[in-house]
Amino acid sequence: MESGCDRGCTPRQRRSRRPAAETRREILSAADTLFRERGYQQVAMADVAAALGMSPANVFKHFHAKTALVDAIACTHVQEMMEQLKGLEMPREPQAKLLRVAEALLTSLLADVRDNRHLFEMIVLTADLELRAGDMYRATISAIFEMIILEGVEAGEFFVRDPRHTASVVTTALAGVINPLSVSSEKPETLYTRCRDVIELVNTALQNPLAK
C-alpha cells in the first residue's frame, strides 16, 4: 500500500537525512546564489528554504538569522582569499614582502568588486553588526604581517619591540586599501598608489633603530 508521501511527494521533497555539515554547505551555497542573483535585501530565509525544498525551520536550525548566513559566506570567502595568498611568489626582502601582500589583498578585493558585488552589498548592509568574518579577516592579515615583521627583525632589517602590536598597527594603517568598505568607491590606480605610499612609510618606520 502506498503512503501519502509516496503518492504526493516529489523527489525534491523526500530529503534523506544527511550530516549537518553537508546541510549547512547546501544552505550556504543556495543562499550565496540567491544573494548574487537577487540582492541581499530581496532574499528571505524562506526563499533559501524553498530553493532547497526544505522547511524554513530547518534553515533556521542551522542559521539563526539571515545575518548568520552572511557571516558564514564571508568567513568562507576570507579563507579562500588567505589560501590564495599562500600561493604567492614572495620576494626575499621583508620590506618587499609587505608590499607584495598588501597589493595582493587589494587586487583580490578589486576582483570582488568586479565579480562579487553581492558580497560588498552584504558587507555594507551588515557593517554595524561586527560579524565574526570581519574579525577573522583582520586577525589573519595581522598574523601574516607579524610573520613578515619577525623575519625582518631576525634579519636585522626591522627594529621592533612588539611585532604583534606593530603588525596590528600596520593593518590599521592599511585600512584604506585592504578594507572591503574602502575600496569599492575609488579608482584602482588611486588605491595602488596609496598602498605603495603607506607601505613605504611603514618600511621607513620599521627600519629606524631609534624607533625601537
N, C-alpha and C. Protein backbone atom coordinates (compact mmCIF):
# COMPACT_ATOMS: atom_id res chain seq x y z
N MET A 1 0.85 -1.20 0.00
CA MET A 1 0.00 0.00 0.00
C MET A 1 0.88 1.24 0.00
N GLU A 2 0.56 2.22 -0.88
CA GLU A 2 1.36 3.42 -0.97
C GLU A 2 1.08 4.35 0.19
N SER A 3 2.11 4.99 0.69
CA SER A 3 1.90 6.00 1.72
C SER A 3 1.54 7.31 1.04
N GLY A 4 1.05 8.27 1.85
CA GLY A 4 0.70 9.58 1.29
C GLY A 4 1.90 10.24 0.67
N CYS A 5 3.07 10.07 1.27
CA CYS A 5 4.26 10.72 0.73
C CYS A 5 4.67 10.08 -0.58
N ASP A 6 4.52 8.72 -0.66
CA ASP A 6 4.89 8.05 -1.90
C ASP A 6 4.03 8.52 -3.06
N ARG A 7 2.76 8.85 -2.76
CA ARG A 7 1.87 9.29 -3.83
C ARG A 7 2.08 10.76 -4.18
N GLY A 8 2.35 11.60 -3.16
CA GLY A 8 2.29 13.04 -3.41
C GLY A 8 3.59 13.79 -3.38
N CYS A 9 4.67 13.21 -2.85
CA CYS A 9 5.91 13.96 -2.71
C CYS A 9 6.74 13.88 -3.98
N THR A 10 7.34 14.97 -4.33
CA THR A 10 8.30 14.96 -5.43
C THR A 10 9.63 14.48 -4.89
N PRO A 11 10.56 14.06 -5.77
CA PRO A 11 11.87 13.63 -5.29
C PRO A 11 12.57 14.70 -4.48
N ARG A 12 12.33 15.98 -4.81
CA ARG A 12 12.99 17.05 -4.08
C ARG A 12 12.47 17.16 -2.66
N GLN A 13 11.17 16.78 -2.48
CA GLN A 13 10.59 16.89 -1.15
C GLN A 13 11.05 15.76 -0.23
N ARG A 14 11.38 14.60 -0.81
CA ARG A 14 11.81 13.48 0.02
C ARG A 14 13.31 13.59 0.24
N ARG A 15 13.69 14.38 1.22
CA ARG A 15 15.10 14.60 1.50
C ARG A 15 15.57 13.61 2.55
N SER A 16 16.58 12.86 2.22
CA SER A 16 17.12 11.90 3.18
C SER A 16 17.94 12.62 4.23
N ARG A 17 18.08 11.97 5.36
CA ARG A 17 18.91 12.55 6.41
C ARG A 17 20.36 12.59 5.95
N ARG A 18 21.05 13.67 6.28
CA ARG A 18 22.44 13.80 5.89
C ARG A 18 23.19 14.52 6.99
N PRO A 19 24.51 14.46 7.01
CA PRO A 19 25.27 15.13 8.06
C PRO A 19 24.96 16.63 8.10
N ALA A 20 24.98 17.18 9.31
CA ALA A 20 24.66 18.60 9.48
C ALA A 20 25.61 19.49 8.68
N ALA A 21 26.89 19.11 8.63
CA ALA A 21 27.86 19.93 7.90
C ALA A 21 27.51 20.00 6.41
N GLU A 22 27.03 18.89 5.87
CA GLU A 22 26.65 18.88 4.45
C GLU A 22 25.42 19.75 4.21
N THR A 23 24.47 19.68 5.13
CA THR A 23 23.27 20.52 5.01
C THR A 23 23.64 22.00 5.09
N ARG A 24 24.55 22.33 6.00
CA ARG A 24 25.00 23.73 6.13
C ARG A 24 25.63 24.20 4.83
N ARG A 25 26.46 23.35 4.22
CA ARG A 25 27.10 23.74 2.96
C ARG A 25 26.06 23.97 1.87
N GLU A 26 25.04 23.11 1.82
CA GLU A 26 23.98 23.28 0.83
C GLU A 26 23.23 24.59 1.04
N ILE A 27 22.93 24.89 2.29
CA ILE A 27 22.22 26.13 2.60
C ILE A 27 23.05 27.35 2.21
N LEU A 28 24.33 27.32 2.54
CA LEU A 28 25.21 28.44 2.21
C LEU A 28 25.33 28.62 0.70
N SER A 29 25.45 27.52 -0.02
CA SER A 29 25.56 27.60 -1.47
C SER A 29 24.30 28.19 -2.08
N ALA A 30 23.14 27.73 -1.61
CA ALA A 30 21.87 28.25 -2.13
C ALA A 30 21.71 29.73 -1.79
N ALA A 31 22.05 30.10 -0.56
CA ALA A 31 21.93 31.50 -0.14
C ALA A 31 22.86 32.39 -0.95
N ASP A 32 24.09 31.95 -1.16
CA ASP A 32 25.04 32.73 -1.93
C ASP A 32 24.54 32.95 -3.35
N THR A 33 23.97 31.92 -3.95
CA THR A 33 23.43 32.04 -5.31
C THR A 33 22.27 33.03 -5.35
N LEU A 34 21.38 32.94 -4.38
CA LEU A 34 20.22 33.84 -4.35
C LEU A 34 20.65 35.29 -4.09
N PHE A 35 21.59 35.48 -3.16
CA PHE A 35 22.08 36.84 -2.89
C PHE A 35 22.71 37.43 -4.15
N ARG A 36 23.44 36.60 -4.88
CA ARG A 36 24.10 37.06 -6.10
C ARG A 36 23.05 37.43 -7.17
N GLU A 37 22.02 36.61 -7.30
CA GLU A 37 21.03 36.81 -8.36
C GLU A 37 20.03 37.93 -8.05
N ARG A 38 19.60 38.02 -6.78
CA ARG A 38 18.50 38.93 -6.45
C ARG A 38 18.93 40.14 -5.62
N GLY A 39 20.07 40.01 -4.92
CA GLY A 39 20.47 41.05 -3.98
C GLY A 39 20.09 40.65 -2.57
N TYR A 40 20.92 41.03 -1.63
CA TYR A 40 20.75 40.61 -0.23
C TYR A 40 19.38 40.97 0.33
N GLN A 41 18.94 42.20 0.10
CA GLN A 41 17.69 42.66 0.70
C GLN A 41 16.45 42.00 0.12
N GLN A 42 16.59 41.42 -1.06
CA GLN A 42 15.43 40.82 -1.72
C GLN A 42 15.26 39.34 -1.40
N VAL A 43 16.14 38.80 -0.57
CA VAL A 43 16.10 37.36 -0.26
C VAL A 43 15.73 37.16 1.20
N ALA A 44 14.75 36.32 1.44
CA ALA A 44 14.35 35.95 2.80
C ALA A 44 14.80 34.52 3.09
N MET A 45 14.82 34.18 4.36
CA MET A 45 15.19 32.81 4.74
C MET A 45 14.25 31.80 4.09
N ALA A 46 12.99 32.17 3.93
CA ALA A 46 12.02 31.27 3.28
C ALA A 46 12.40 31.01 1.83
N ASP A 47 13.02 31.99 1.17
CA ASP A 47 13.46 31.80 -0.21
C ASP A 47 14.59 30.77 -0.29
N VAL A 48 15.49 30.84 0.68
CA VAL A 48 16.59 29.87 0.73
C VAL A 48 16.03 28.47 0.95
N ALA A 49 15.09 28.37 1.88
CA ALA A 49 14.47 27.07 2.15
C ALA A 49 13.76 26.53 0.91
N ALA A 50 13.02 27.39 0.22
CA ALA A 50 12.29 26.96 -0.97
C ALA A 50 13.23 26.47 -2.06
N ALA A 51 14.37 27.14 -2.20
CA ALA A 51 15.34 26.74 -3.23
C ALA A 51 15.89 25.35 -2.98
N LEU A 52 15.87 24.93 -1.72
CA LEU A 52 16.41 23.62 -1.35
C LEU A 52 15.33 22.58 -1.11
N GLY A 53 14.06 22.99 -1.19
CA GLY A 53 12.98 22.06 -0.93
C GLY A 53 12.91 21.62 0.52
N MET A 54 13.27 22.52 1.43
CA MET A 54 13.19 22.20 2.85
C MET A 54 12.36 23.26 3.56
N SER A 55 12.01 23.00 4.79
CA SER A 55 11.20 23.95 5.53
C SER A 55 12.07 25.10 6.05
N PRO A 56 11.50 26.30 6.20
CA PRO A 56 12.26 27.40 6.80
C PRO A 56 12.80 27.05 8.18
N ALA A 57 12.05 26.24 8.92
CA ALA A 57 12.50 25.85 10.26
C ALA A 57 13.83 25.10 10.20
N ASN A 58 14.01 24.31 9.15
CA ASN A 58 15.26 23.57 9.01
C ASN A 58 16.43 24.51 8.71
N VAL A 59 16.17 25.55 7.93
CA VAL A 59 17.22 26.54 7.67
C VAL A 59 17.57 27.27 8.96
N PHE A 60 16.55 27.68 9.72
CA PHE A 60 16.78 28.38 10.98
C PHE A 60 17.49 27.49 12.01
N LYS A 61 17.33 26.19 11.87
CA LYS A 61 18.01 25.26 12.77
C LYS A 61 19.53 25.38 12.63
N HIS A 62 19.98 25.68 11.41
CA HIS A 62 21.42 25.76 11.15
C HIS A 62 21.94 27.20 11.19
N PHE A 63 21.08 28.16 10.84
CA PHE A 63 21.47 29.58 10.83
C PHE A 63 20.33 30.38 11.43
N HIS A 64 20.59 31.00 12.58
CA HIS A 64 19.51 31.61 13.34
C HIS A 64 18.93 32.86 12.69
N ALA A 65 19.66 33.45 11.73
CA ALA A 65 19.19 34.67 11.07
C ALA A 65 19.89 34.83 9.73
N LYS A 66 19.38 35.72 8.91
CA LYS A 66 20.00 35.95 7.60
C LYS A 66 21.41 36.49 7.76
N THR A 67 21.64 37.28 8.80
CA THR A 67 22.99 37.80 9.03
C THR A 67 23.98 36.68 9.34
N ALA A 68 23.49 35.59 9.94
CA ALA A 68 24.37 34.44 10.20
C ALA A 68 24.80 33.80 8.89
N LEU A 69 23.92 33.80 7.90
CA LEU A 69 24.29 33.31 6.57
C LEU A 69 25.37 34.20 5.96
N VAL A 70 25.17 35.51 6.07
CA VAL A 70 26.16 36.45 5.54
C VAL A 70 27.52 36.22 6.20
N ASP A 71 27.51 36.07 7.51
CA ASP A 71 28.76 35.88 8.25
C ASP A 71 29.47 34.62 7.78
N ALA A 72 28.73 33.53 7.63
CA ALA A 72 29.33 32.26 7.21
C ALA A 72 29.86 32.34 5.78
N ILE A 73 29.12 32.98 4.89
CA ILE A 73 29.57 33.15 3.50
C ILE A 73 30.84 33.98 3.46
N ALA A 74 30.85 35.07 4.23
CA ALA A 74 32.02 35.95 4.26
C ALA A 74 33.23 35.24 4.86
N CYS A 75 33.02 34.43 5.91
CA CYS A 75 34.13 33.67 6.51
C CYS A 75 34.74 32.72 5.50
N THR A 76 33.89 32.04 4.74
CA THR A 76 34.38 31.13 3.71
C THR A 76 35.20 31.89 2.67
N HIS A 77 34.73 33.08 2.31
CA HIS A 77 35.45 33.88 1.32
C HIS A 77 36.80 34.34 1.86
N VAL A 78 36.84 34.72 3.13
CA VAL A 78 38.11 35.12 3.75
C VAL A 78 39.10 33.96 3.71
N GLN A 79 38.63 32.76 4.03
CA GLN A 79 39.50 31.59 4.00
C GLN A 79 40.05 31.34 2.59
N GLU A 80 39.21 31.54 1.59
CA GLU A 80 39.65 31.35 0.20
C GLU A 80 40.69 32.40 -0.18
N MET A 81 40.49 33.64 0.26
CA MET A 81 41.47 34.70 0.00
C MET A 81 42.82 34.36 0.61
N MET A 82 42.80 33.87 1.85
CA MET A 82 44.05 33.55 2.52
C MET A 82 44.76 32.37 1.87
N GLU A 83 44.00 31.43 1.34
CA GLU A 83 44.61 30.31 0.61
C GLU A 83 45.32 30.82 -0.64
N GLN A 84 44.73 31.80 -1.30
CA GLN A 84 45.37 32.38 -2.48
C GLN A 84 46.68 33.06 -2.11
N LEU A 85 46.72 33.70 -0.95
CA LEU A 85 47.95 34.36 -0.51
C LEU A 85 49.08 33.35 -0.32
N LYS A 86 48.74 32.15 0.13
CA LYS A 86 49.77 31.14 0.37
C LYS A 86 50.49 30.76 -0.92
N GLY A 87 49.81 30.93 -2.05
CA GLY A 87 50.41 30.56 -3.32
C GLY A 87 51.21 31.68 -3.98
N LEU A 88 51.32 32.83 -3.31
CA LEU A 88 52.05 33.95 -3.89
C LEU A 88 53.55 33.66 -3.96
N GLU A 89 54.17 34.10 -5.03
CA GLU A 89 55.64 34.09 -5.09
C GLU A 89 56.13 35.31 -4.33
N MET A 90 56.88 35.06 -3.28
CA MET A 90 57.32 36.14 -2.40
C MET A 90 58.76 36.55 -2.67
N PRO A 91 59.05 37.85 -2.64
CA PRO A 91 60.44 38.29 -2.71
C PRO A 91 61.16 37.93 -1.41
N ARG A 92 62.46 38.00 -1.41
CA ARG A 92 63.22 37.61 -0.22
C ARG A 92 63.19 38.69 0.85
N GLU A 93 63.23 39.96 0.45
CA GLU A 93 63.34 41.05 1.41
C GLU A 93 62.01 41.27 2.14
N PRO A 94 62.05 41.38 3.47
CA PRO A 94 60.82 41.63 4.24
C PRO A 94 60.09 42.89 3.79
N GLN A 95 60.86 43.94 3.44
CA GLN A 95 60.21 45.18 3.00
C GLN A 95 59.36 44.94 1.75
N ALA A 96 59.91 44.17 0.82
CA ALA A 96 59.18 43.88 -0.41
C ALA A 96 58.01 42.93 -0.15
N LYS A 97 58.16 42.06 0.84
CA LYS A 97 57.07 41.14 1.17
C LYS A 97 55.85 41.89 1.67
N LEU A 98 56.07 42.91 2.49
CA LEU A 98 54.93 43.70 3.00
C LEU A 98 54.14 44.30 1.84
N LEU A 99 54.85 44.86 0.87
CA LEU A 99 54.18 45.45 -0.28
C LEU A 99 53.49 44.38 -1.11
N ARG A 100 54.13 43.24 -1.28
CA ARG A 100 53.55 42.16 -2.10
C ARG A 100 52.23 41.69 -1.50
N VAL A 101 52.19 41.50 -0.19
CA VAL A 101 50.97 41.04 0.47
C VAL A 101 49.88 42.10 0.38
N ALA A 102 50.23 43.34 0.67
CA ALA A 102 49.24 44.42 0.64
C ALA A 102 48.64 44.58 -0.75
N GLU A 103 49.48 44.54 -1.78
CA GLU A 103 48.97 44.68 -3.15
C GLU A 103 48.14 43.47 -3.56
N ALA A 104 48.52 42.28 -3.09
CA ALA A 104 47.74 41.08 -3.42
C ALA A 104 46.35 41.15 -2.79
N LEU A 105 46.28 41.63 -1.55
CA LEU A 105 44.98 41.79 -0.90
C LEU A 105 44.11 42.80 -1.64
N LEU A 106 44.72 43.91 -2.03
CA LEU A 106 43.99 44.93 -2.77
C LEU A 106 43.49 44.38 -4.11
N THR A 107 44.34 43.65 -4.80
CA THR A 107 43.95 43.05 -6.08
C THR A 107 42.77 42.10 -5.91
N SER A 108 42.81 41.31 -4.84
CA SER A 108 41.72 40.38 -4.57
C SER A 108 40.41 41.11 -4.29
N LEU A 109 40.50 42.19 -3.51
CA LEU A 109 39.29 42.96 -3.20
C LEU A 109 38.72 43.63 -4.45
N LEU A 110 39.59 44.15 -5.29
CA LEU A 110 39.12 44.78 -6.52
C LEU A 110 38.47 43.76 -7.46
N ALA A 111 38.99 42.54 -7.45
CA ALA A 111 38.36 41.48 -8.24
C ALA A 111 36.96 41.17 -7.71
N ASP A 112 36.81 41.23 -6.39
CA ASP A 112 35.48 41.01 -5.80
C ASP A 112 34.52 42.14 -6.15
N VAL A 113 35.04 43.37 -6.18
CA VAL A 113 34.20 44.49 -6.58
C VAL A 113 33.63 44.24 -7.97
N ARG A 114 34.47 43.67 -8.83
CA ARG A 114 34.06 43.41 -10.21
C ARG A 114 33.17 42.17 -10.32
N ASP A 115 33.54 41.10 -9.62
CA ASP A 115 32.89 39.80 -9.86
C ASP A 115 31.90 39.38 -8.78
N ASN A 116 32.01 39.95 -7.59
CA ASN A 116 31.16 39.53 -6.47
C ASN A 116 30.54 40.73 -5.77
N ARG A 117 29.83 41.54 -6.54
CA ARG A 117 29.24 42.74 -5.97
C ARG A 117 28.30 42.43 -4.81
N HIS A 118 27.66 41.27 -4.87
CA HIS A 118 26.72 40.93 -3.80
C HIS A 118 27.41 40.82 -2.46
N LEU A 119 28.69 40.41 -2.46
CA LEU A 119 29.44 40.34 -1.21
C LEU A 119 29.58 41.72 -0.58
N PHE A 120 29.90 42.71 -1.41
CA PHE A 120 30.08 44.06 -0.89
C PHE A 120 28.75 44.63 -0.40
N GLU A 121 27.67 44.32 -1.11
CA GLU A 121 26.36 44.77 -0.65
C GLU A 121 26.06 44.21 0.74
N MET A 122 26.34 42.92 0.92
CA MET A 122 26.08 42.29 2.22
C MET A 122 26.96 42.89 3.31
N ILE A 123 28.23 43.13 2.99
CA ILE A 123 29.16 43.68 3.98
C ILE A 123 28.72 45.08 4.40
N VAL A 124 28.33 45.90 3.42
CA VAL A 124 27.89 47.27 3.72
C VAL A 124 26.64 47.25 4.59
N LEU A 125 25.68 46.41 4.24
CA LEU A 125 24.40 46.39 4.95
C LEU A 125 24.51 45.78 6.35
N THR A 126 25.57 45.03 6.61
CA THR A 126 25.73 44.42 7.93
C THR A 126 26.95 44.97 8.67
N ALA A 127 27.51 46.08 8.19
CA ALA A 127 28.76 46.61 8.75
C ALA A 127 28.64 46.95 10.23
N ASP A 128 27.48 47.40 10.66
CA ASP A 128 27.31 47.81 12.06
C ASP A 128 27.21 46.64 13.03
N LEU A 129 27.12 45.42 12.51
CA LEU A 129 26.89 44.26 13.37
C LEU A 129 28.18 43.62 13.87
N GLU A 130 29.33 44.04 13.34
CA GLU A 130 30.62 43.49 13.76
C GLU A 130 30.61 41.96 13.72
N LEU A 131 30.40 41.43 12.55
CA LEU A 131 30.31 39.98 12.38
C LEU A 131 31.68 39.32 12.53
N ARG A 132 31.64 38.02 12.77
CA ARG A 132 32.86 37.25 13.01
C ARG A 132 33.82 37.31 11.83
N ALA A 133 33.29 37.38 10.61
CA ALA A 133 34.13 37.39 9.42
C ALA A 133 35.08 38.58 9.41
N GLY A 134 34.60 39.73 9.87
CA GLY A 134 35.46 40.91 9.91
C GLY A 134 36.62 40.73 10.86
N ASP A 135 36.35 40.15 12.02
CA ASP A 135 37.42 39.89 12.99
C ASP A 135 38.41 38.87 12.43
N MET A 136 37.89 37.84 11.74
CA MET A 136 38.76 36.83 11.15
C MET A 136 39.67 37.44 10.09
N TYR A 137 39.09 38.28 9.25
CA TYR A 137 39.85 38.92 8.17
C TYR A 137 40.99 39.75 8.74
N ARG A 138 40.67 40.60 9.70
CA ARG A 138 41.70 41.46 10.28
C ARG A 138 42.77 40.65 11.02
N ALA A 139 42.34 39.66 11.81
CA ALA A 139 43.30 38.86 12.59
C ALA A 139 44.23 38.07 11.68
N THR A 140 43.69 37.53 10.59
CA THR A 140 44.51 36.74 9.68
C THR A 140 45.54 37.61 8.98
N ILE A 141 45.12 38.78 8.51
CA ILE A 141 46.05 39.69 7.85
C ILE A 141 47.13 40.15 8.82
N SER A 142 46.71 40.49 10.03
CA SER A 142 47.67 40.95 11.03
C SER A 142 48.70 39.86 11.34
N ALA A 143 48.26 38.60 11.37
CA ALA A 143 49.18 37.49 11.63
C ALA A 143 50.20 37.34 10.51
N ILE A 144 49.76 37.56 9.27
CA ILE A 144 50.69 37.49 8.13
C ILE A 144 51.73 38.59 8.23
N PHE A 145 51.28 39.80 8.54
CA PHE A 145 52.22 40.91 8.69
C PHE A 145 53.18 40.66 9.86
N GLU A 146 52.67 40.06 10.92
CA GLU A 146 53.53 39.77 12.07
C GLU A 146 54.67 38.83 11.68
N MET A 147 54.37 37.80 10.89
CA MET A 147 55.40 36.86 10.46
C MET A 147 56.47 37.56 9.62
N ILE A 148 56.03 38.46 8.74
CA ILE A 148 56.99 39.19 7.90
C ILE A 148 57.85 40.12 8.75
N ILE A 149 57.23 40.79 9.71
CA ILE A 149 57.98 41.69 10.59
C ILE A 149 58.99 40.91 11.41
N LEU A 150 58.60 39.74 11.90
CA LEU A 150 59.54 38.90 12.65
C LEU A 150 60.73 38.49 11.79
N GLU A 151 60.47 38.17 10.53
CA GLU A 151 61.57 37.85 9.61
C GLU A 151 62.53 39.03 9.50
N GLY A 152 61.95 40.23 9.39
CA GLY A 152 62.78 41.42 9.28
C GLY A 152 63.60 41.68 10.53
N VAL A 153 63.00 41.42 11.69
CA VAL A 153 63.72 41.59 12.96
C VAL A 153 64.88 40.60 13.05
N GLU A 154 64.60 39.34 12.70
CA GLU A 154 65.64 38.31 12.77
C GLU A 154 66.77 38.58 11.78
N ALA A 155 66.43 39.22 10.65
CA ALA A 155 67.45 39.54 9.65
C ALA A 155 68.19 40.83 9.98
N GLY A 156 67.78 41.51 11.04
CA GLY A 156 68.42 42.76 11.42
C GLY A 156 68.01 43.94 10.57
N GLU A 157 66.89 43.81 9.85
CA GLU A 157 66.43 44.89 8.98
C GLU A 157 65.32 45.72 9.60
N PHE A 158 64.55 45.12 10.49
CA PHE A 158 63.49 45.84 11.19
C PHE A 158 63.86 45.96 12.67
N PHE A 159 63.45 47.06 13.28
CA PHE A 159 63.73 47.30 14.69
C PHE A 159 62.40 47.52 15.40
N VAL A 160 61.91 46.46 16.04
CA VAL A 160 60.57 46.47 16.62
C VAL A 160 60.61 45.77 17.98
N ARG A 161 59.96 46.36 18.97
CA ARG A 161 59.89 45.73 20.28
C ARG A 161 58.78 44.68 20.36
N ASP A 162 57.66 45.00 19.77
CA ASP A 162 56.49 44.12 19.87
C ASP A 162 55.94 43.86 18.47
N PRO A 163 56.41 42.80 17.80
CA PRO A 163 55.96 42.53 16.42
C PRO A 163 54.45 42.37 16.28
N ARG A 164 53.81 41.76 17.27
CA ARG A 164 52.36 41.55 17.16
C ARG A 164 51.62 42.88 17.18
N HIS A 165 51.98 43.74 18.11
CA HIS A 165 51.33 45.05 18.17
C HIS A 165 51.64 45.86 16.91
N THR A 166 52.88 45.79 16.47
CA THR A 166 53.27 46.53 15.26
C THR A 166 52.48 46.05 14.05
N ALA A 167 52.29 44.74 13.95
CA ALA A 167 51.51 44.19 12.84
C ALA A 167 50.08 44.70 12.86
N SER A 168 49.52 44.82 14.06
CA SER A 168 48.16 45.35 14.19
C SER A 168 48.11 46.80 13.74
N VAL A 169 49.14 47.57 14.08
CA VAL A 169 49.21 48.97 13.67
C VAL A 169 49.32 49.07 12.15
N VAL A 170 50.14 48.21 11.55
CA VAL A 170 50.29 48.20 10.09
C VAL A 170 48.96 47.87 9.42
N THR A 171 48.25 46.91 9.97
CA THR A 171 46.94 46.54 9.42
C THR A 171 45.98 47.72 9.47
N THR A 172 46.00 48.45 10.58
CA THR A 172 45.15 49.63 10.70
C THR A 172 45.56 50.71 9.70
N ALA A 173 46.87 50.90 9.54
CA ALA A 173 47.36 51.92 8.62
C ALA A 173 46.94 51.63 7.18
N LEU A 174 46.77 50.35 6.86
CA LEU A 174 46.40 49.95 5.50
C LEU A 174 44.89 49.82 5.30
N ALA A 175 44.12 50.24 6.29
CA ALA A 175 42.67 50.06 6.21
C ALA A 175 42.08 50.70 4.96
N GLY A 176 42.68 51.77 4.49
CA GLY A 176 42.15 52.46 3.32
C GLY A 176 42.31 51.69 2.03
N VAL A 177 43.11 50.60 2.05
CA VAL A 177 43.31 49.83 0.81
C VAL A 177 43.03 48.34 0.97
N ILE A 178 42.88 47.85 2.19
CA ILE A 178 42.59 46.42 2.36
C ILE A 178 41.28 46.19 3.11
N ASN A 179 40.54 47.26 3.36
CA ASN A 179 39.22 47.13 3.97
C ASN A 179 38.17 47.11 2.86
N PRO A 180 37.32 46.07 2.81
CA PRO A 180 36.32 45.98 1.74
C PRO A 180 35.44 47.22 1.62
N LEU A 181 35.17 47.88 2.75
CA LEU A 181 34.30 49.05 2.71
C LEU A 181 34.99 50.26 2.09
N SER A 182 36.32 50.20 1.96
CA SER A 182 37.07 51.37 1.50
C SER A 182 37.38 51.34 0.01
N VAL A 183 37.32 50.17 -0.61
CA VAL A 183 37.86 50.05 -1.97
C VAL A 183 36.81 50.14 -3.08
N SER A 184 35.55 49.99 -2.74
CA SER A 184 34.54 49.88 -3.79
C SER A 184 34.21 51.19 -4.48
N SER A 185 34.58 52.32 -3.86
CA SER A 185 34.18 53.61 -4.43
C SER A 185 35.34 54.42 -4.98
N GLU A 186 36.54 53.84 -5.04
CA GLU A 186 37.70 54.59 -5.53
C GLU A 186 38.32 53.92 -6.74
N LYS A 187 39.07 54.70 -7.50
CA LYS A 187 39.72 54.18 -8.69
C LYS A 187 40.89 53.27 -8.30
N PRO A 188 41.08 52.17 -9.02
CA PRO A 188 42.18 51.26 -8.69
C PRO A 188 43.54 51.93 -8.65
N GLU A 189 43.82 52.82 -9.61
CA GLU A 189 45.14 53.46 -9.62
C GLU A 189 45.37 54.30 -8.37
N THR A 190 44.30 54.93 -7.87
CA THR A 190 44.41 55.70 -6.63
C THR A 190 44.73 54.79 -5.46
N LEU A 191 44.08 53.64 -5.42
CA LEU A 191 44.28 52.70 -4.32
C LEU A 191 45.68 52.09 -4.34
N TYR A 192 46.17 51.74 -5.52
CA TYR A 192 47.52 51.16 -5.61
C TYR A 192 48.58 52.18 -5.21
N THR A 193 48.38 53.43 -5.62
CA THR A 193 49.33 54.48 -5.22
C THR A 193 49.32 54.66 -3.71
N ARG A 194 48.14 54.69 -3.13
CA ARG A 194 48.03 54.83 -1.68
C ARG A 194 48.68 53.64 -0.97
N CYS A 195 48.47 52.46 -1.50
CA CYS A 195 49.05 51.25 -0.92
C CYS A 195 50.58 51.35 -0.89
N ARG A 196 51.17 51.74 -2.01
CA ARG A 196 52.63 51.86 -2.06
C ARG A 196 53.13 52.94 -1.11
N ASP A 197 52.40 54.05 -1.03
CA ASP A 197 52.82 55.14 -0.15
C ASP A 197 52.79 54.71 1.32
N VAL A 198 51.73 54.01 1.71
CA VAL A 198 51.62 53.57 3.11
C VAL A 198 52.72 52.56 3.44
N ILE A 199 52.96 51.61 2.54
CA ILE A 199 54.00 50.61 2.80
C ILE A 199 55.38 51.25 2.85
N GLU A 200 55.62 52.24 2.01
CA GLU A 200 56.90 52.95 2.05
C GLU A 200 57.09 53.62 3.41
N LEU A 201 56.03 54.24 3.91
CA LEU A 201 56.10 54.88 5.22
C LEU A 201 56.31 53.85 6.32
N VAL A 202 55.61 52.72 6.23
CA VAL A 202 55.74 51.65 7.22
C VAL A 202 57.17 51.10 7.22
N ASN A 203 57.70 50.83 6.04
CA ASN A 203 59.06 50.29 5.95
C ASN A 203 60.09 51.26 6.51
N THR A 204 59.90 52.54 6.25
CA THR A 204 60.82 53.55 6.79
C THR A 204 60.80 53.53 8.31
N ALA A 205 59.61 53.43 8.88
CA ALA A 205 59.49 53.39 10.34
C ALA A 205 60.09 52.12 10.92
N LEU A 206 59.85 50.99 10.27
CA LEU A 206 60.35 49.71 10.78
C LEU A 206 61.87 49.62 10.73
N GLN A 207 62.48 50.33 9.80
CA GLN A 207 63.93 50.27 9.64
C GLN A 207 64.68 51.32 10.45
N ASN A 208 63.94 52.07 11.25
CA ASN A 208 64.55 53.12 12.06
C ASN A 208 64.92 52.57 13.43
N PRO A 209 66.22 52.39 13.71
CA PRO A 209 66.61 51.82 15.01
C PRO A 209 66.22 52.70 16.19
N LEU A 210 66.05 53.99 15.97
CA LEU A 210 65.68 54.89 17.06
C LEU A 210 64.22 54.72 17.47
N ALA A 211 63.43 54.08 16.61
CA ALA A 211 62.01 53.91 16.91
C ALA A 211 61.76 52.72 17.81
N LYS A 212 62.78 51.89 18.03
CA LYS A 212 62.60 50.67 18.82
C LYS A 212 62.33 51.01 20.27
